Amino acid sequence: MENEIKKPENLTDEHLEYLDDLRESGVTNMYGAGAYLEDEFDMTREEANQVLTYWMKTFGERHKVN
């Protein structure tokens, strides 16, 4: 599938759960969440941006309401 979103190699469920919790907390606009990932998981900016981009692009599918 051409539009399939590639999962970053370093991505874990913990990252996705952390971002979900961060979103729920309202502490930051999610466009600024990369810095939180960098600090929390000792990631480079590039790694954090890859994880955050994946989280954003897959959020709707992962939280689909039936």
PDB file of N, CA and C in Angstrom:
ATOM      1  N   MET A   1       0.850  -1.191   0.000  1.00  0.00           N
ATOM      2  CA  MET A   1       0.000   0.000   0.000  1.00  0.00           C
ATOM      3  C   MET A   1       0.887   1.244   0.000  1.00  0.00           C
ATOM      4  N   GLU A   2       0.688   2.121  -0.949  1.00  0.00           N
ATOM      5  CA  GLU A   2       1.553   3.278  -1.129  1.00  0.00           C
ATOM      6  C   GLU A   2       1.406   4.318  -0.020  1.00  0.00           C
ATOM      7  N   ASN A   3       0.211   4.494   0.519  1.00  0.00           N
ATOM      8  CA  ASN A   3      -0.023   5.504   1.552  1.00  0.00           C
ATOM      9  C   ASN A   3       0.221   4.995   2.969  1.00  0.00           C
ATOM     10  N   GLU A   4       0.743   3.776   3.077  1.00  0.00           N
ATOM     11  CA  GLU A   4       1.001   3.200   4.385  1.00  0.00           C
ATOM     12  C   GLU A   4       2.063   4.032   5.105  1.00  0.00           C
ATOM     13  N   ILE A   5       1.824   4.278   6.367  1.00  0.00           N
ATOM     14  CA  ILE A   5       2.735   5.082   7.164  1.00  0.00           C
ATOM     15  C   ILE A   5       3.783   4.162   7.768  1.00  0.00           C
ATOM     16  N   LYS A   6       5.054   4.475   7.506  1.00  0.00           N
ATOM     17  CA  LYS A   6       6.140   3.633   7.985  1.00  0.00           C
ATOM     18  C   LYS A   6       6.377   3.887   9.475  1.00  0.00           C
ATOM     19  N   LYS A   7       6.377   2.815  10.237  1.00  0.00           N
ATOM     20  CA  LYS A   7       6.613   2.888  11.675  1.00  0.00           C
ATOM     21  C   LYS A   7       8.107   3.062  11.924  1.00  0.00           C
ATOM     22  N   PRO A   8       8.494   4.098  12.684  1.00  0.00           N
ATOM     23  CA  PRO A   8       9.921   4.278  12.998  1.00  0.00           C
ATOM     24  C   PRO A   8      10.475   3.060  13.746  1.00  0.00           C
ATOM     25  N   GLU A   9      11.709   2.715  13.452  1.00  0.00           N
ATOM     26  CA  GLU A   9      12.336   1.553  14.071  1.00  0.00           C
ATOM     27  C   GLU A   9      12.393   1.647  15.587  1.00  0.00           C
ATOM     28  N   ASN A  10      12.591   2.843  16.102  1.00  0.00           N
ATOM     29  CA  ASN A  10      12.751   3.020  17.548  1.00  0.00           C
ATOM     30  C   ASN A  10      11.420   3.190  18.293  1.00  0.00           C
ATOM     31  N   LEU A  11      10.314   3.156  17.590  1.00  0.00           N
ATOM     32  CA  LEU A  11       9.009   3.392  18.207  1.00  0.00           C
ATOM     33  C   LEU A  11       8.572   2.226  19.085  1.00  0.00           C
ATOM     34  N   THR A  12       8.061   2.559  20.270  1.00  0.00           N
ATOM     35  CA  THR A  12       7.498   1.540  21.159  1.00  0.00           C
ATOM     36  C   THR A  12       6.084   1.950  21.553  1.00  0.00           C
ATOM     37  N   ASP A  13       5.332   1.011  22.092  1.00  0.00           N
ATOM     38  CA  ASP A  13       3.995   1.328  22.600  1.00  0.00           C
ATOM     39  C   ASP A  13       4.079   2.367  23.709  1.00  0.00           C
ATOM     40  N   GLU A  14       5.161   2.335  24.470  1.00  0.00           N
ATOM     41  CA  GLU A  14       5.345   3.302  25.553  1.00  0.00           C
ATOM     42  C   GLU A  14       5.373   4.729  25.011  1.00  0.00           C
ATOM     43  N   HIS A  15       5.999   4.921  23.870  1.00  0.00           N
ATOM     44  CA  HIS A  15       6.041   6.252  23.243  1.00  0.00           C
ATOM     45  C   HIS A  15       4.634   6.720  22.896  1.00  0.00           C
ATOM     46  N   LEU A  16       3.852   5.834  22.281  1.00  0.00           N
ATOM     47  CA  LEU A  16       2.496   6.199  21.873  1.00  0.00           C
ATOM     48  C   LEU A  16       1.617   6.494  23.088  1.00  0.00           C
ATOM     49  N   GLU A  17       1.741   5.694  24.124  1.00  0.00           N
ATOM     50  CA  GLU A  17       0.974   5.918  25.346  1.00  0.00           C
ATOM     51  C   GLU A  17       1.380   7.224  26.021  1.00  0.00           C
ATOM     52  N   TYR A  18       2.678   7.508  26.020  1.00  0.00           N
ATOM     53  CA  TYR A  18       3.171   8.759  26.598  1.00  0.00           C
ATOM     54  C   TYR A  18       2.559   9.958  25.869  1.00  0.00           C
ATOM     55  N   LEU A  19       2.549   9.896  24.543  1.00  0.00           N
ATOM     56  CA  LEU A  19       1.984  10.998  23.758  1.00  0.00           C
ATOM     57  C   LEU A  19       0.475  11.109  23.965  1.00  0.00           C
ATOM     58  N   ASP A  20      -0.215   9.985  24.065  1.00  0.00           N
ATOM     59  CA  ASP A  20      -1.650  10.020  24.361  1.00  0.00           C
ATOM     60  C   ASP A  20      -1.900  10.716  25.700  1.00  0.00           C
ATOM     61  N   ASP A  21      -1.111  10.349  26.707  1.00  0.00           N
ATOM     62  CA  ASP A  21      -1.252  10.949  28.039  1.00  0.00           C
ATOM     63  C   ASP A  21      -0.909  12.438  28.016  1.00  0.00           C
ATOM     64  N   LEU A  22       0.132  12.785  27.278  1.00  0.00           N
ATOM     65  CA  LEU A  22       0.529  14.188  27.164  1.00  0.00           C
ATOM     66  C   LEU A  22      -0.594  14.999  26.518  1.00  0.00           C
ATOM     67  N   ARG A  23      -1.192  14.450  25.487  1.00  0.00           N
ATOM     68  CA  ARG A  23      -2.313  15.131  24.822  1.00  0.00           C
ATOM     69  C   ARG A  23      -3.462  15.346  25.799  1.00  0.00           C
ATOM     70  N   GLU A  24      -3.804  14.293  26.538  1.00  0.00           N
ATOM     71  CA  GLU A  24      -4.893  14.370  27.517  1.00  0.00           C
ATOM     72  C   GLU A  24      -4.620  15.412  28.598  1.00  0.00           C
ATOM     73  N   SER A  25      -3.358  15.558  28.979  1.00  0.00           N
ATOM     74  CA  SER A  25      -2.998  16.478  30.059  1.00  0.00           C
ATOM     75  C   SER A  25      -3.176  17.936  29.648  1.00  0.00           C
ATOM     76  N   GLY A  26      -3.049  18.210  28.347  1.00  0.00           N
ATOM     77  CA  GLY A  26      -3.165  19.583  27.875  1.00  0.00           C
ATOM     78  C   GLY A  26      -1.965  20.447  28.208  1.00  0.00           C
ATOM     79  N   VAL A  27      -0.867  19.835  28.638  1.00  0.00           N
ATOM     80  CA  VAL A  27       0.333  20.567  29.042  1.00  0.00           C
ATOM     81  C   VAL A  27       0.954  21.327  27.876  1.00  0.00           C
ATOM     82  N   THR A  28       0.859  20.759  26.677  1.00  0.00           N
ATOM     83  CA  THR A  28       1.483  21.380  25.515  1.00  0.00           C
ATOM     84  C   THR A  28       0.634  21.161  24.274  1.00  0.00           C
ATOM     85  N   ASN A  29       0.790  22.037  23.333  1.00  0.00           N
ATOM     86  CA  ASN A  29       0.263  21.813  21.995  1.00  0.00           C
ATOM     87  C   ASN A  29       1.067  20.643  21.432  1.00  0.00           C
ATOM     88  N   MET A  30       0.436  19.704  20.789  1.00  0.00           N
ATOM     89  CA  MET A  30       1.139  18.500  20.353  1.00  0.00           C
ATOM     90  C   MET A  30       2.208  18.774  19.305  1.00  0.00           C
ATOM     91  N   TYR A  31       2.151  19.907  18.648  1.00  0.00           N
ATOM     92  CA  TYR A  31       3.230  20.250  17.725  1.00  0.00           C
ATOM     93  C   TYR A  31       4.526  20.527  18.481  1.00  0.00           C
ATOM     94  N   GLY A  32       4.441  20.790  19.768  1.00  0.00           N
ATOM     95  CA  GLY A  32       5.616  21.004  20.608  1.00  0.00           C
ATOM     96  C   GLY A  32       6.014  19.782  21.412  1.00  0.00           C
ATOM     97  N   ALA A  33       5.363  18.665  21.160  1.00  0.00           N
ATOM     98  CA  ALA A  33       5.583  17.462  21.972  1.00  0.00           C
ATOM     99  C   ALA A  33       6.925  16.788  21.703  1.00  0.00           C
ATOM    100  N   GLY A  34       7.562  17.104  20.603  1.00  0.00           N
ATOM    101  CA  GLY A  34       8.859  16.493  20.301  1.00  0.00           C
ATOM    102  C   GLY A  34       9.878  16.739  21.401  1.00  0.00           C
ATOM    103  N   ALA A  35       9.892  17.936  21.946  1.00  0.00           N
ATOM    104  CA  ALA A  35      10.840  18.257  23.022  1.00  0.00           C
ATOM    105  C   ALA A  35      10.580  17.403  24.254  1.00  0.00           C
ATOM    106  N   TYR A  36       9.320  17.094  24.515  1.00  0.00           N
ATOM    107  CA  TYR A  36       8.983  16.233  25.649  1.00  0.00           C
ATOM    108  C   TYR A  36       9.498  14.815  25.416  1.00  0.00           C
ATOM    109  N   LEU A  37       9.368  14.324  24.193  1.00  0.00           N
ATOM    110  CA  LEU A  37       9.902  13.001  23.863  1.00  0.00           C
ATOM    111  C   LEU A  37      11.420  12.979  24.010  1.00  0.00           C
ATOM    112  N   GLU A  38      12.074  14.019  23.530  1.00  0.00           N
ATOM    113  CA  GLU A  38      13.532  14.105  23.641  1.00  0.00           C
ATOM    114  C   GLU A  38      13.966  13.975  25.092  1.00  0.00           C
ATOM    115  N   ASP A  39      13.303  14.713  25.967  1.00  0.00           N
ATOM    116  CA  ASP A  39      13.670  14.709  27.391  1.00  0.00           C
ATOM    117  C   ASP A  39      13.315  13.399  28.072  1.00  0.00           C
ATOM    118  N   GLU A  40      12.116  12.920  27.833  1.00  0.00           N
ATOM    119  CA  GLU A  40      11.610  11.734  28.542  1.00  0.00           C
ATOM    120  C   GLU A  40      12.319  10.449  28.120  1.00  0.00           C
ATOM    121  N   PHE A  41      12.650  10.342  26.832  1.00  0.00           N
ATOM    122  CA  PHE A  41      13.194   9.093  26.312  1.00  0.00           C
ATOM    123  C   PHE A  41      14.626   9.234  25.782  1.00  0.00           C
ATOM    124  N   ASP A  42      15.282  10.361  26.077  1.00  0.00           N
ATOM    125  CA  ASP A  42      16.661  10.596  25.655  1.00  0.00           C
ATOM    126  C   ASP A  42      16.827  10.348  24.155  1.00  0.00           C
ATOM    127  N   MET A  43      15.952  11.004  23.377  1.00  0.00           N
ATOM    128  CA  MET A  43      15.966  10.866  21.915  1.00  0.00           C
ATOM    129  C   MET A  43      16.628  12.081  21.286  1.00  0.00           C
ATOM    130  N   THR A  44      17.097  11.884  20.061  1.00  0.00           N
ATOM    131  CA  THR A  44      17.537  13.034  19.277  1.00  0.00           C
ATOM    132  C   THR A  44      16.287  13.743  18.763  1.00  0.00           C
ATOM    133  N   ARG A  45      16.457  14.951  18.291  1.00  0.00           N
ATOM    134  CA  ARG A  45      15.332  15.690  17.723  1.00  0.00           C
ATOM    135  C   ARG A  45      14.733  14.941  16.531  1.00  0.00           C
ATOM    136  N   GLU A  46      15.587  14.367  15.700  1.00  0.00           N
ATOM    137  CA  GLU A  46      15.111  13.620  14.529  1.00  0.00           C
ATOM    138  C   GLU A  46      14.287  12.402  14.954  1.00  0.00           C
ATOM    139  N   GLU A  47      14.770  11.645  15.929  1.00  0.00           N
ATOM    140  CA  GLU A  47      14.029  10.480  16.413  1.00  0.00           C
ATOM    141  C   GLU A  47      12.674  10.896  16.985  1.00  0.00           C
ATOM    142  N   ALA A  48      12.686  11.949  17.799  1.00  0.00           N
ATOM    143  CA  ALA A  48      11.447  12.434  18.407  1.00  0.00           C
ATOM    144  C   ALA A  48      10.458  12.888  17.339  1.00  0.00           C
ATOM    145  N   ASN A  49      10.938  13.577  16.320  1.00  0.00           N
ATOM    146  CA  ASN A  49      10.055  14.036  15.250  1.00  0.00           C
ATOM    147  C   ASN A  49       9.475  12.872  14.457  1.00  0.00           C
ATOM    148  N   GLN A  50      10.247  11.819  14.253  1.00  0.00           N
ATOM    149  CA  GLN A  50       9.742  10.639  13.548  1.00  0.00           C
ATOM    150  C   GLN A  50       8.625   9.977  14.357  1.00  0.00           C
ATOM    151  N   VAL A  51       8.848   9.825  15.660  1.00  0.00           N
ATOM    152  CA  VAL A  51       7.842   9.208  16.532  1.00  0.00           C
ATOM    153  C   VAL A  51       6.588  10.074  16.582  1.00  0.00           C
ATOM    154  N   LEU A  52       6.780  11.378  16.759  1.00  0.00           N
ATOM    155  CA  LEU A  52       5.647  12.290  16.847  1.00  0.00           C
ATOM    156  C   LEU A  52       4.851  12.310  15.543  1.00  0.00           C
ATOM    157  N   THR A  53       5.526  12.329  14.423  1.00  0.00           N
ATOM    158  CA  THR A  53       4.845  12.322  13.128  1.00  0.00           C
ATOM    159  C   THR A  53       4.032  11.047  12.968  1.00  0.00           C
ATOM    160  N   TYR A  54       4.607   9.919  13.331  1.00  0.00           N
ATOM    161  CA  TYR A  54       3.874   8.653  13.257  1.00  0.00           C
ATOM    162  C   TYR A  54       2.651   8.701  14.167  1.00  0.00           C
ATOM    163  N   TRP A  55       2.824   9.190  15.385  1.00  0.00           N
ATOM    164  CA  TRP A  55       1.710   9.286  16.346  1.00  0.00           C
ATOM    165  C   TRP A  55       0.588  10.145  15.763  1.00  0.00           C
ATOM    166  N   MET A  56       0.944  11.296  15.196  1.00  0.00           N
ATOM    167  CA  MET A  56      -0.063  12.200  14.635  1.00  0.00           C
ATOM    168  C   MET A  56      -0.806  11.568  13.463  1.00  0.00           C
ATOM    169  N   LYS A  57      -0.061  10.917  12.573  1.00  0.00           N
ATOM    170  CA  LYS A  57      -0.674  10.348  11.368  1.00  0.00           C
ATOM    171  C   LYS A  57      -1.520   9.116  11.663  1.00  0.00           C
ATOM    172  N   THR A  58      -1.264   8.453  12.781  1.00  0.00           N
ATOM    173  CA  THR A  58      -2.000   7.221  13.098  1.00  0.00           C
ATOM    174  C   THR A  58      -2.983   7.400  14.246  1.00  0.00           C
ATOM    175  N   PHE A  59      -3.067   8.582  14.808  1.00  0.00           N
ATOM    176  CA  PHE A  59      -3.915   8.808  15.981  1.00  0.00           C
ATOM    177  C   PHE A  59      -5.361   8.403  15.727  1.00  0.00           C
ATOM    178  N   GLY A  60      -5.930   8.882  14.636  1.00  0.00           N
ATOM    179  CA  GLY A  60      -7.328   8.600  14.328  1.00  0.00           C
ATOM    180  C   GLY A  60      -7.618   7.115  14.190  1.00  0.00           C
ATOM    181  N   GLU A  61      -6.711   6.420  13.547  1.00  0.00           N
ATOM    182  CA  GLU A  61      -6.895   4.976  13.353  1.00  0.00           C
ATOM    183  C   GLU A  61      -6.773   4.214  14.679  1.00  0.00           C
ATOM    184  N   ARG A  62      -5.841   4.633  15.512  1.00  0.00           N
ATOM    185  CA  ARG A  62      -5.631   3.953  16.791  1.00  0.00           C
ATOM    186  C   ARG A  62      -6.746   4.249  17.799  1.00  0.00           C
ATOM    187  N   HIS A  63      -7.435   5.358  17.603  1.00  0.00           N
ATOM    188  CA  HIS A  63      -8.482   5.762  18.559  1.00  0.00           C
ATOM    189  C   HIS A  63      -9.859   5.790  17.906  1.00  0.00           C
ATOM    190  N   LYS A  64     -10.029   4.940  16.914  1.00  0.00           N
ATOM    191  CA  LYS A  64     -11.287   4.884  16.171  1.00  0.00           C
ATOM    192  C   LYS A  64     -12.419   4.431  17.103  1.00  0.00           C
ATOM    193  N   VAL A  65     -13.518   5.167  17.052  1.00  0.00           N
ATOM    194  CA  VAL A  65     -14.706   4.818  17.840  1.00  0.00           C
ATOM    195  C   VAL A  65     -15.652   4.054  16.922  1.00  0.00           C
ATOM    196  N   ASN A  66     -16.073   2.885  17.360  1.00  0.00           N
ATOM    197  CA  ASN A  66     -16.965   2.064  16.528  1.00  0.00           C
ATOM    198  C   ASN A  66     -18.396   2.452  16.674  1.00  0.00           C
TER     199      ASN A  66
END
